[in-house]
C-alpha atoms as a PDB file:
ATOM      1  CA  MET A   1      -0.671  -0.740   9.769  1.00  0.00           C
ATOM      2  CA  VAL A   2       0.021   2.628   8.505  1.00  0.00           C
ATOM      3  CA  ARG A   3       3.353   2.876   9.992  1.00  0.00           C
ATOM      4  CA  ALA A   4       3.889  -0.363   7.886  1.00  0.00           C
ATOM      5  CA  ALA A   5       2.409   1.264   4.682  1.00  0.00           C
ATOM      6  CA  ARG A   6       4.432   4.859   5.092  1.00  0.00           C
ATOM      7  CA  SER A   7       7.918   2.348   5.368  1.00  0.00           C
ATOM      8  CA  ARG A   8       6.245   0.532   2.199  1.00  0.00           C
ATOM      9  CA  GLY A   9       6.885  -2.730   4.528  1.00  0.00           C
ATOM     10  CA  ARG A  10      10.246  -2.023   5.394  1.00  0.00           C
ATOM     11  CA  ALA A  11      10.132  -2.742   8.854  1.00  0.00           C
ATOM     12  CA  GLU A  12       8.341  -5.953   9.741  1.00  0.00           C
ATOM     13  CA  ALA A  13       6.430  -6.459  12.962  1.00  0.00           C
ATOM     14  CA  VAL A  14       8.369  -8.879  15.224  1.00  0.00           C
ATOM     15  CA  LEU A  15       5.844 -11.647  16.023  1.00  0.00           C
ATOM     16  CA  PRO A  16       5.271 -13.584  19.376  1.00  0.00           C
ATOM     17  CA  ALA A  17       6.504 -17.375  19.011  1.00  0.00           C
ATOM     18  CA  GLN A  18       2.926 -18.667  19.100  1.00  0.00           C
ATOM     19  CA  GLN A  19      -0.197 -16.715  17.502  1.00  0.00           C
ATOM     20  CA  PRO A  20      -3.749 -16.811  19.240  1.00  0.00           C
ATOM     21  CA  VAL A  21      -6.392 -18.474  16.923  1.00  0.00           C
ATOM     22  CA  GLU A  22      -9.320 -16.118  16.268  1.00  0.00           C
ATOM     23  CA  LEU A  23     -12.446 -17.159  14.616  1.00  0.00           C
ATOM     24  CA  TRP A  24     -13.147 -15.791  11.127  1.00  0.00           C
ATOM     25  CA  ASP A  25     -15.440 -12.515  11.004  1.00  0.00           C
ATOM     26  CA  ALA A  26     -17.068 -12.939   7.447  1.00  0.00           C
ATOM     27  CA  ARG A  27     -18.445  -9.161   8.194  1.00  0.00           C
ATOM     28  CA  ARG A  28     -14.477  -8.431   8.418  1.00  0.00           C
ATOM     29  CA  ALA A  29     -13.863 -10.092   4.446  1.00  0.00           C
ATOM     30  CA  GLY A  30     -12.638  -7.367   2.158  1.00  0.00           C
ATOM     31  CA  GLN A  31      -9.888  -5.838   4.842  1.00  0.00           C
ATOM     32  CA  ILE A  32      -7.511  -3.203   3.154  1.00  0.00           C
ATOM     33  CA  GLY A  33      -4.826  -5.330   1.593  1.00  0.00           C
ATOM     34  CA  ARG A  34      -1.259  -3.319   2.256  1.00  0.00           C
ATOM     35  CA  GLU A  35      -0.952  -1.742  -1.665  1.00  0.00           C
ATOM     36  CA  GLN A  36      -4.505  -0.587  -1.116  1.00  0.00           C
ATOM     37  CA  LEU A  37      -3.419   0.910   2.395  1.00  0.00           C
ATOM     38  CA  GLN A  38      -0.558   2.541   0.988  1.00  0.00           C
ATOM     39  CA  ALA A  39      -2.824   4.144  -1.519  1.00  0.00           C
ATOM     40  CA  ILE A  40      -5.131   5.690   1.031  1.00  0.00           C
ATOM     41  CA  THR A  41      -2.551   6.537   3.274  1.00  0.00           C
ATOM     42  CA  ARG A  42      -0.648   8.630   0.419  1.00  0.00           C
ATOM     43  CA  LEU A  43      -4.240  10.547  -0.468  1.00  0.00           C
ATOM     44  CA  HIS A  44      -5.061  11.231   2.983  1.00  0.00           C
ATOM     45  CA  GLU A  45      -1.483  12.156   4.248  1.00  0.00           C
ATOM     46  CA  GLY A  46      -2.110  14.854   1.639  1.00  0.00           C
ATOM     47  CA  PHE A  47      -5.570  15.826   2.795  1.00  0.00           C
ATOM     48  CA  ALA A  48      -4.126  16.258   6.688  1.00  0.00           C
ATOM     49  CA  ARG A  49      -1.311  18.193   5.420  1.00  0.00           C
ATOM     50  CA  SER A  50      -4.079  20.474   3.395  1.00  0.00           C
ATOM     51  CA  LEU A  51      -6.205  20.348   6.403  1.00  0.00           C
ATOM     52  CA  THR A  52      -3.327  21.429   8.869  1.00  0.00           C
ATOM     53  CA  ASP A  53      -2.742  24.367   6.675  1.00  0.00           C
ATOM     54  CA  ALA A  54      -6.277  25.651   6.138  1.00  0.00           C
ATOM     55  CA  LEU A  55      -7.505  25.186   9.876  1.00  0.00           C
ATOM     56  CA  GLY A  56      -3.845  26.547  11.209  1.00  0.00           C
ATOM     57  CA  ALA A  57      -4.528  29.840   9.007  1.00  0.00           C
ATOM     58  CA  TYR A  58      -8.265  30.107  10.112  1.00  0.00           C
ATOM     59  CA  LEU A  59      -7.570  29.658  14.131  1.00  0.00           C
ATOM     60  CA  ARG A  60      -4.020  31.742  13.484  1.00  0.00           C
ATOM     61  CA  VAL A  61      -2.240  29.284  15.993  1.00  0.00           C
ATOM     62  CA  VAL A  62       0.087  26.299  15.901  1.00  0.00           C
ATOM     63  CA  PHE A  63      -2.375  23.568  14.293  1.00  0.00           C
ATOM     64  CA  ALA A  64      -1.376  19.795  13.192  1.00  0.00           C
ATOM     65  CA  VAL A  65      -3.558  17.031  11.807  1.00  0.00           C
ATOM     66  CA  THR A  66      -2.003  13.520  11.156  1.00  0.00           C
ATOM     67  CA  LEU A  67      -2.912  10.474   9.837  1.00  0.00           C
ATOM     68  CA  VAL A  68      -3.484   8.078  12.230  1.00  0.00           C
ATOM     69  CA  SER A  69      -5.322   4.448  10.540  1.00  0.00           C
ATOM     70  CA  ALA A  70      -7.169   3.719   7.840  1.00  0.00           C
ATOM     71  CA  GLU A  71      -9.334   0.527   8.297  1.00  0.00           C
ATOM     72  CA  HIS A  72     -12.987  -1.005   7.230  1.00  0.00           C
ATOM     73  CA  LEU A  73     -15.324  -1.046   9.741  1.00  0.00           C
ATOM     74  CA  ALA A  74     -19.310  -2.087  10.113  1.00  0.00           C
ATOM     75  CA  TYR A  75     -21.013   1.403  11.131  1.00  0.00           C
ATOM     76  CA  ARG A  76     -21.899   0.074  14.346  1.00  0.00           C
ATOM     77  CA  GLU A  77     -18.257  -0.357  15.311  1.00  0.00           C
ATOM     78  CA  PHE A  78     -17.868   2.938  14.490  1.00  0.00           C
ATOM     79  CA  LEU A  79     -20.279   4.416  16.552  1.00  0.00           C
ATOM     80  CA  GLN A  80     -19.253   2.589  19.647  1.00  0.00           C
ATOM     81  CA  ASN A  81     -15.689   3.731  19.166  1.00  0.00           C
ATOM     82  CA  ILE A  82     -16.692   7.292  19.350  1.00  0.00           C
ATOM     83  CA  PRO A  83     -17.415   9.041  22.727  1.00  0.00           C
ATOM     84  CA  GLU A  84     -20.690   9.660  23.744  1.00  0.00           C
ATOM     85  CA  THR A  85     -20.811  12.896  24.078  1.00  0.00           C
ATOM     86  CA  THR A  86     -19.053  14.411  20.798  1.00  0.00           C
ATOM     87  CA  TYR A  87     -19.810  16.773  17.850  1.00  0.00           C
ATOM     88  CA  LEU A  88     -20.702  14.588  14.976  1.00  0.00           C
ATOM     89  CA  ALA A  89     -22.020  15.674  11.693  1.00  0.00           C
ATOM     90  CA  CYS A  90     -23.202  14.781   8.735  1.00  0.00           C
ATOM     91  CA  CYS A  91     -21.466  15.322   5.103  1.00  0.00           C
ATOM     92  CA  ARG A  92     -23.271  14.374   1.769  1.00  0.00           C
ATOM     93  CA  LEU A  93     -21.277  13.448  -1.117  1.00  0.00           C
ATOM     94  CA  ASP A  94     -22.736  14.205  -4.529  1.00  0.00           C
ATOM     95  CA  PRO A  95     -23.356  13.032  -7.053  1.00  0.00           C
ATOM     96  CA  ALA A  96     -22.667   9.750  -5.619  1.00  0.00           C
ATOM     97  CA  GLY A  97     -25.936  10.893  -3.254  1.00  0.00           C
ATOM     98  CA  VAL A  98     -24.579   8.928  -0.270  1.00  0.00           C
ATOM     99  CA  GLY A  99     -23.941  10.328   3.369  1.00  0.00           C
ATOM    100  CA  ALA A 100     -20.788  10.382   5.612  1.00  0.00           C
ATOM    101  CA  ALA A 101     -20.173  10.858   9.096  1.00  0.00           C
ATOM    102  CA  LEU A 102     -17.423  13.737  10.566  1.00  0.00           C
ATOM    103  CA  GLN A 103     -16.694  13.112  14.306  1.00  0.00           C
ATOM    104  CA  LEU A 104     -14.555  15.674  16.293  1.00  0.00           C
ATOM    105  CA  ASP A 105     -13.335  14.917  19.905  1.00  0.00           C
ATOM    106  CA  LEU A 106     -14.961  17.660  22.283  1.00  0.00           C
ATOM    107  CA  LYS A 107     -11.042  18.104  23.855  1.00  0.00           C
ATOM    108  CA  VAL A 108     -10.313  19.936  21.099  1.00  0.00           C
ATOM    109  CA  ALA A 109     -13.747  21.108  19.877  1.00  0.00           C
ATOM    110  CA  PHE A 110     -13.870  23.393  23.095  1.00  0.00           C
ATOM    111  CA  PRO A 111     -10.320  24.945  22.605  1.00  0.00           C
ATOM    112  CA  ILE A 112     -11.482  26.215  19.012  1.00  0.00           C
ATOM    113  CA  ILE A 113     -14.436  27.480  20.045  1.00  0.00           C
ATOM    114  CA  ASP A 114     -12.614  29.395  22.455  1.00  0.00           C
ATOM    115  CA  LEU A 115      -9.974  30.169  19.971  1.00  0.00           C
ATOM    116  CA  LEU A 116     -12.836  31.721  17.617  1.00  0.00           C
ATOM    117  CA  LEU A 117     -14.196  33.778  20.244  1.00  0.00           C
ATOM    118  CA  GLY A 118     -11.266  35.279  20.813  1.00  0.00           C
ATOM    119  CA  GLY A 119      -9.555  33.274  23.763  1.00  0.00           C
ATOM    120  CA  GLU A 120      -6.397  31.493  23.982  1.00  0.00           C
ATOM    121  CA  GLY A 121      -7.602  27.762  23.426  1.00  0.00           C
ATOM    122  CA  LYS A 122      -7.383  26.539  26.610  1.00  0.00           C
ATOM    123  CA  SER A 123      -8.298  23.031  27.421  1.00  0.00           C
ATOM    124  CA  MET A 124     -11.773  22.712  29.278  1.00  0.00           C
ATOM    125  CA  ALA A 125     -13.978  20.327  30.849  1.00  0.00           C
ATOM    126  CA  THR A 126     -15.760  18.007  28.250  1.00  0.00           C
ATOM    127  CA  SER A 127     -18.522  16.395  30.062  1.00  0.00           C
ATOM    128  CA  ARG A 128     -21.228  18.958  28.983  1.00  0.00           C
ATOM    129  CA  GLU A 129     -23.059  18.952  25.900  1.00  0.00           C
ATOM    130  CA  ILE A 130     -21.955  22.405  23.055  1.00  0.00           C
ATOM    131  CA  THR A 131     -24.516  24.986  22.791  1.00  0.00           C
ATOM    132  CA  GLU A 132     -26.352  26.162  20.149  1.00  0.00           C
ATOM    133  CA  ILE A 133     -23.787  29.152  19.150  1.00  0.00           C
ATOM    134  CA  GLU A 134     -21.159  26.642  20.349  1.00  0.00           C
ATOM    135  CA  GLU A 135     -22.394  24.516  17.829  1.00  0.00           C
ATOM    136  CA  GLN A 136     -22.572  27.142  14.950  1.00  0.00           C
ATOM    137  CA  ILE A 137     -19.278  27.702  15.474  1.00  0.00           C
ATOM    138  CA  LEU A 138     -18.067  24.064  14.951  1.00  0.00           C
ATOM    139  CA  ASP A 139     -20.193  23.642  11.858  1.00  0.00           C
ATOM    140  CA  SER A 140     -17.429  26.346  10.078  1.00  0.00           C
ATOM    141  CA  VAL A 141     -14.614  24.216  11.030  1.00  0.00           C
ATOM    142  CA  ALA A 142     -16.693  21.439   9.416  1.00  0.00           C
ATOM    143  CA  ARG A 143     -17.357  23.054   6.524  1.00  0.00           C
ATOM    144  CA  ILE A 144     -13.593  23.900   6.128  1.00  0.00           C
ATOM    145  CA  VAL A 145     -12.756  19.680   6.776  1.00  0.00           C
ATOM    146  CA  CYS A 146     -15.468  18.924   4.101  1.00  0.00           C
ATOM    147  CA  ARG A 147     -13.962  21.350   1.129  1.00  0.00           C
ATOM    148  CA  GLU A 148     -10.531  19.911   2.001  1.00  0.00           C
ATOM    149  CA  LEU A 149     -11.930  16.813   1.513  1.00  0.00           C
ATOM    150  CA  GLY A 150     -13.647  17.612  -1.549  1.00  0.00           C
ATOM    151  CA  LEU A 151     -10.304  18.643  -2.687  1.00  0.00           C
ATOM    152  CA  ALA A 152      -8.585  15.657  -1.801  1.00  0.00           C
ATOM    153  CA  TRP A 153     -10.578  13.316  -3.768  1.00  0.00           C
ATOM    154  CA  GLN A 154     -11.007  15.461  -6.881  1.00  0.00           C
ATOM    155  CA  ALA A 155      -9.884  12.242  -8.666  1.00  0.00           C
ATOM    156  CA  VAL A 156     -13.112  10.756  -8.376  1.00  0.00           C
ATOM    157  CA  SER A 157     -15.324  13.895  -8.963  1.00  0.00           C
ATOM    158  CA  LEU A 158     -16.761  13.870  -5.766  1.00  0.00           C
ATOM    159  CA  GLU A 159     -18.137  17.053  -3.808  1.00  0.00           C
ATOM    160  CA  VAL A 160     -18.040  16.560  -0.504  1.00  0.00           C
ATOM    161  CA  ASN A 161     -20.720  19.297   1.112  1.00  0.00           C
ATOM    162  CA  PHE A 162     -21.320  19.854   4.813  1.00  0.00           C
ATOM    163  CA  GLU A 163     -24.736  19.331   5.756  1.00  0.00           C
ATOM    164  CA  ARG A 164     -26.185  19.131   9.623  1.00  0.00           C
ATOM    165  CA  ARG A 165     -24.833  18.252  13.063  1.00  0.00           C
ATOM    166  CA  LEU A 166     -26.494  15.069  14.284  1.00  0.00           C
ATOM    167  CA  GLY A 167     -28.435  13.984  17.175  1.00  0.00           C
ATOM    168  CA  THR A 168     -27.784  10.656  19.063  1.00  0.00           C
ATOM    169  CA  GLY A 169     -30.795   9.383  17.176  1.00  0.00           C
ATOM    170  CA  GLU A 170     -30.131  10.622  13.722  1.00  0.00           C
ATOM    171  CA  ALA A 171     -26.728   9.017  13.945  1.00  0.00           C
ATOM    172  CA  GLN A 172     -27.812   5.775  14.641  1.00  0.00           C
ATOM    173  CA  ARG A 173     -29.929   5.938  11.269  1.00  0.00           C
ATOM    174  CA  LEU A 174     -27.366   7.883   8.986  1.00  0.00           C
ATOM    175  CA  MET A 175     -26.075   4.269   7.489  1.00  0.00           C
ATOM    176  CA  PRO A 176     -27.221   0.757   8.342  1.00  0.00           C
ATOM    177  CA  PRO A 177     -25.643  -0.807  11.598  1.00  0.00           C
ATOM    178  CA  GLY A 178     -23.569  -3.437   9.675  1.00  0.00           C
ATOM    179  CA  GLU A 179     -22.820  -1.718   6.490  1.00  0.00           C
ATOM    180  CA  LYS A 180     -19.304  -1.465   5.647  1.00  0.00           C
ATOM    181  CA  LEU A 181     -17.323   1.776   5.577  1.00  0.00           C
ATOM    182  CA  LEU A 182     -13.927   3.181   5.470  1.00  0.00           C
ATOM    183  CA  SER A 183     -12.921   4.711   8.890  1.00  0.00           C
ATOM    184  CA  LEU A 184     -10.193   7.288   8.669  1.00  0.00           C
ATOM    185  CA  SER A 185      -8.907   8.494  12.120  1.00  0.00           C
ATOM    186  CA  PHE A 186      -6.651  11.593  12.409  1.00  0.00           C
ATOM    187  CA  GLU A 187      -5.002  13.078  15.694  1.00  0.00           C
ATOM    188  CA  ILE A 188      -5.452  16.814  16.151  1.00  0.00           C
ATOM    189  CA  THR A 189      -2.753  18.451  17.929  1.00  0.00           C
ATOM    190  CA  MET A 190      -3.035  22.269  18.933  1.00  0.00           C
ATOM    191  CA  PRO A 191      -0.573  23.969  21.790  1.00  0.00           C
ATOM    192  CA  GLU A 192      -2.082  22.773  25.170  1.00  0.00           C
ATOM    193  CA  VAL A 193      -4.460  19.583  24.051  1.00  0.00           C
ATOM    194  CA  ARG A 194      -4.738  16.878  21.476  1.00  0.00           C
ATOM    195  CA  GLY A 195      -8.135  15.255  20.192  1.00  0.00           C
ATOM    196  CA  GLY A 196      -9.089  13.027  17.454  1.00  0.00           C
ATOM    197  CA  LEU A 197     -10.939  13.807  14.118  1.00  0.00           C
ATOM    198  CA  ASN A 198     -12.701  10.298  12.327  1.00  0.00           C
ATOM    199  CA  LEU A 199     -14.395  10.324   9.311  1.00  0.00           C
ATOM    200  CA  ALA A 200     -17.090   7.133   8.270  1.00  0.00           C
ATOM    201  CA  VAL A 201     -17.056   7.059   4.630  1.00  0.00           C
ATOM    202  CA  PRO A 202     -19.299   4.468   2.712  1.00  0.00           C
ATOM    203  CA  VAL A 203     -17.074   1.561   1.211  1.00  0.00           C
ATOM    204  CA  SER A 204     -18.443   2.457  -1.964  1.00  0.00           C
ATOM    205  CA  VAL A 205     -16.895   5.805  -2.261  1.00  0.00           C
ATOM    206  CA  SER A 206     -13.677   4.174  -1.091  1.00  0.00           C
ATOM    207  CA  ASN A 207     -13.575   1.650  -3.685  1.00  0.00           C
ATOM    208  CA  ALA A 208     -14.086   4.359  -6.475  1.00  0.00           C
ATOM    209  CA  LEU A 209     -11.133   6.061  -4.893  1.00  0.00           C
ATOM    210  CA  LEU A 210      -9.194   2.628  -5.083  1.00  0.00           C
ATOM    211  CA  ARG A 211      -9.724   2.010  -8.617  1.00  0.00           C
ATOM    212  CA  LYS A 212      -8.829   5.641  -9.631  1.00  0.00           C
ATOM    213  CA  ILE A 213      -5.573   5.078  -7.787  1.00  0.00           C
ATOM    214  CA  SER A 214      -4.977   1.863  -8.997  1.00  0.00           C
ATOM    215  CA  ALA A 215      -6.049   2.908 -12.727  1.00  0.00           C
ATOM    216  CA  THR A 216      -3.619   6.010 -12.381  1.00  0.00           C
ATOM    217  CA  TRP A 217      -0.552   3.490 -11.047  1.00  0.00           C
ATOM    218  CA  ALA A 218      -1.400   1.277 -13.784  1.00  0.00           C
ATOM    219  CA  GLN A 219      -0.694   3.869 -16.422  1.00  0.00           C
ATOM    220  CA  ARG A 220       2.515   5.209 -14.589  1.00  0.00           C
ATOM    221  CA  ARG A 221       3.778   1.380 -13.482  1.00  0.00           C
ATOM    222  CA  PRO A 222       5.414   0.600 -17.294  1.00  0.00           C
ATOM    223  CA  GLN A 223       7.653   3.329 -16.781  1.00  0.00           C
ATOM    224  CA  ALA A 224       9.047   2.429 -13.516  1.00  0.00           C
ATOM    225  CA  ALA A 225       8.963  -0.946 -14.517  1.00  0.00           C
ATOM    226  CA  ASP A 226      11.303  -0.365 -17.425  1.00  0.00           C
ATOM    227  CA  ASP A 227      14.014   1.631 -15.194  1.00  0.00           C
ATOM    228  CA  ALA A 228      13.792  -1.106 -12.949  1.00  0.00           C
ATOM    229  CA  ARG A 229      14.728  -3.746 -15.433  1.00  0.00           C
ATOM    230  CA  ARG A 230      17.375  -1.759 -16.991  1.00  0.00           C
ATOM    231  CA  ARG A 231      19.221  -1.123 -13.395  1.00  0.00           C
ATOM    232  CA  LEU A 232      18.801  -5.009 -13.371  1.00  0.00           C
ATOM    233  CA  MET A 233      20.571  -6.098 -16.336  1.00  0.00           C
ATOM    234  CA  ARG A 234      22.854  -3.345 -15.508  1.00  0.00           C
ATOM    235  CA  ARG A 235      23.689  -5.263 -12.549  1.00  0.00           C
ATOM    236  CA  LEU A 236      23.646  -8.682 -13.823  1.00  0.00           C
ATOM    237  CA  LEU A 237      26.372  -7.618 -16.377  1.00  0.00           C
ATOM    238  CA  ASP A 238      28.794  -7.614 -13.891  1.00  0.00           C
ATOM    239  CA  CYS A 239      27.821 -10.982 -12.007  1.00  0.00           C
ATOM    240  CA  PRO A 240      29.537 -14.456 -12.581  1.00  0.00           C
ATOM    241  CA  PHE A 241      27.114 -17.368 -13.952  1.00  0.00           C
ATOM    242  CA  GLU A 242      28.647 -20.983 -14.203  1.00  0.00           C
ATOM    243  CA  ALA A 243      29.165 -21.701 -17.922  1.00  0.00           C
ATOM    244  CA  GLU A 244      30.076 -25.691 -19.168  1.00  0.00           C
ATOM    245  CA  LEU A 245      30.169 -27.123 -22.328  1.00  0.00           C
ATOM    246  CA  SER A 246      29.950 -30.785 -22.436  1.00  0.00           C
ATOM    247  CA  ALA A 247      28.027 -33.814 -24.347  1.00  0.00           C
ATOM    248  CA  ALA A 248      25.449 -35.819 -22.972  1.00  0.00           C
ATOM    249  CA  ASP A 249      25.131 -39.773 -23.437  1.00  0.00           C
ATOM    250  CA  VAL A 250      28.956 -40.271 -24.304  1.00  0.00           C
ATOM    251  CA  ARG A 251      29.459 -44.015 -23.246  1.00  0.00           C
ATOM    252  CA  VAL A 252      32.869 -45.732 -22.754  1.00  0.00           C
ATOM    253  CA  ALA A 253      33.575 -49.298 -22.072  1.00  0.00           C
ATOM    254  CA  VAL A 254      34.930 -50.515 -18.822  1.00  0.00           C
ATOM    255  CA  SER A 255      37.697 -51.981 -20.950  1.00  0.00           C
ATOM    256  CA  ALA A 256      38.758 -48.651 -22.026  1.00  0.00           C
ATOM    257  CA  LEU A 257      38.566 -46.837 -18.421  1.00  0.00           C
ATOM    258  CA  ASN A 258      40.736 -49.985 -17.034  1.00  0.00           C
ATOM    259  CA  GLN A 259      43.442 -49.003 -19.666  1.00  0.00           C
ATOM    260  CA  ILE A 260      43.297 -45.244 -18.806  1.00  0.00           C
ATOM    261  CA  ALA A 261      46.846 -43.896 -17.619  1.00  0.00           C
ATOM    262  CA  PRO A 262      48.264 -40.080 -18.076  1.00  0.00           C
ATOM    263  CA  GLY A 263      49.102 -39.249 -21.947  1.00  0.00           C
ATOM    264  CA  SER A 264      46.848 -41.991 -23.121  1.00  0.00           C
ATOM    265  CA  LEU A 265      43.683 -40.785 -25.549  1.00  0.00           C
ATOM    266  CA  LEU A 266      40.268 -42.159 -24.664  1.00  0.00           C
ATOM    267  CA  GLY A 267      37.887 -42.357 -27.897  1.00  0.00           C
ATOM    268  CA  PHE A 268      34.287 -41.497 -27.709  1.00  0.00           C
ATOM    269  CA  ARG A 269      31.750 -42.924 -29.956  1.00  0.00           C
ATOM    270  CA  ARG A 270      30.793 -39.265 -30.984  1.00  0.00           C
ATOM    271  CA  GLY A 271      31.755 -37.617 -34.262  1.00  0.00           C
ATOM    272  CA  ALA A 272      34.058 -34.638 -33.624  1.00  0.00           C
ATOM    273  CA  GLY A 273      32.222 -32.161 -35.618  1.00  0.00           C
ATOM    274  CA  GLU A 274      28.764 -33.049 -33.341  1.00  0.00           C
ATOM    275  CA  PRO A 275      27.853 -30.214 -31.341  1.00  0.00           C
ATOM    276  CA  ALA A 276      27.777 -30.237 -27.728  1.00  0.00           C
ATOM    277  CA  ALA A 277      25.472 -28.442 -25.391  1.00  0.00           C
ATOM    278  CA  LEU A 278      26.642 -25.360 -23.585  1.00  0.00           C
ATOM    279  CA  ALA A 279      24.552 -24.683 -20.063  1.00  0.00           C
ATOM    280  CA  ILE A 280      24.626 -21.592 -18.256  1.00  0.00           C
ATOM    281  CA  ALA A 281      23.897 -22.194 -14.697  1.00  0.00           C
ATOM    282  CA  GLY A 282      23.079 -25.774 -15.387  1.00  0.00           C
ATOM    283  CA  VAL A 283      20.279 -24.986 -17.578  1.00  0.00           C
ATOM    284  CA  GLU A 284      21.309 -26.120 -21.373  1.00  0.00           C
ATOM    285  CA  MET A 285      20.820 -22.876 -23.358  1.00  0.00           C
ATOM    286  CA  PHE A 286      23.073 -23.071 -26.727  1.00  0.00           C
ATOM    287  CA  ARG A 287      24.383 -25.956 -29.128  1.00  0.00           C
ATOM    288  CA  ALA A 288      27.954 -25.427 -29.329  1.00  0.00           C
ATOM    289  CA  LEU A 289      31.218 -26.696 -30.632  1.00  0.00           C
ATOM    290  CA  PRO A 290      34.645 -26.259 -28.726  1.00  0.00           C
ATOM    291  CA  ALA A 291      36.571 -23.502 -29.968  1.00  0.00           C
ATOM    292  CA  ARG A 292      39.672 -21.115 -29.092  1.00  0.00           C
ATOM    293  CA  SER A 293      40.152 -17.315 -28.917  1.00  0.00           C
ATOM    294  CA  GLU A 294      43.896 -16.430 -28.400  1.00  0.00           C
ATOM    295  CA  THR A 295      45.106 -18.427 -25.613  1.00  0.00           C
ATOM    296  CA  SER A 296      41.463 -18.944 -23.842  1.00  0.00           C
ATOM    297  CA  ARG A 297      39.235 -22.148 -24.547  1.00  0.00           C
ATOM    298  CA  ALA A 298      35.472 -20.833 -26.135  1.00  0.00           C
ATOM    299  CA  ALA A 299      32.721 -22.340 -27.598  1.00  0.00           C
ATOM    300  CA  ARG A 300      31.246 -21.509 -30.794  1.00  0.00           C
ATOM    301  CA  LEU A 301      27.351 -20.866 -30.740  1.00  0.00           C
ATOM    302  CA  LEU A 302      24.924 -22.492 -32.912  1.00  0.00           C
ATOM    303  CA  GLU A 303      21.690 -22.690 -32.232  1.00  0.00           C
ATOM    304  CA  PRO A 304      19.474 -21.881 -28.936  1.00  0.00           C
ATOM    305  CA  ILE A 305      18.337 -25.121 -27.403  1.00  0.00           C
ATOM    306  CA  SER A 306      14.206 -24.110 -27.267  1.00  0.00           C
ATOM    307  CA  ALA A 307      13.260 -27.579 -25.767  1.00  0.00           C
ATOM    308  CA  LEU A 308      13.569 -27.684 -21.734  1.00  0.00           C
ATOM    309  CA  PRO A 309      13.778 -30.387 -19.702  1.00  0.00           C
ATOM    310  CA  ALA A 310       9.740 -31.286 -18.047  1.00  0.00           C
ATOM    311  CA  GLY A 311       8.597 -29.019 -15.483  1.00  0.00           C
ATOM    312  CA  GLU A 312      11.794 -26.708 -15.967  1.00  0.00           C
ATOM    313  CA  GLU A 313      11.523 -23.090 -16.635  1.00  0.00           C
ATOM    314  CA  PRO A 314      13.922 -20.715 -18.102  1.00  0.00           C
ATOM    315  CA  ARG A 315      16.139 -18.838 -15.427  1.00  0.00           C
END
């Protein structure tokens, strides 16, 4: 979905011939739409770049953060997707007064700790829990993540404040299991290791972000729409459309048609001064009279035809 949003839908996925039928899950109602996903993607790709610069300078090593996915999940699903042994912390979002979760894979946490303690940041075993000293070191990294996230969310005047690391039991009580949240997944790349950074944000906060972004887009759209309309009009000026000047409901007797021959004159029961209808691309647009412009045939427009046939729309 993120790749599709980055390409603005230009790359369409190839669907199999037969799609499996899945039961609808009411808990997944309100999934992020394509436009919303594009907005969320652009916002948090900027956050990923800022975090790359901030943590790269802090660690003094080649460091990259990339947005991988953004989706709505229940909190229980978020907890099921993270490793059993990990670094999980709580952040407070003020003035909303709600909490968010921050999770960092230990396979990148340990090299970060090694770098900050003067090591080379090499990969190491991740099966053990972190110590109190290592926890304090990772807390400093989590504070940087919260600071950069708060800067990315300035549009909704939210402050992201780091609180503490969460134990297993505390993590279960941070949010109701069924609460819907926005799950943001990032990939951290270091010289020898790769790992995940995940954020769980209450859906109320993500909705506020989307409303603010949508309002910003709405203020910018008129200019973009006007530019697009002008470009379309310029292109239409070079497009040929079929034009026809005709008179409807003209009836001729069969006897008159029986005597028709080249050079004969066929009379219509219609006044020569009565206007005909000028149709553009098959749609009657004006009442007009036959005319001549130098050596070309022409139509002298009299008035627009306002009434269109029932069910027909202007083209």
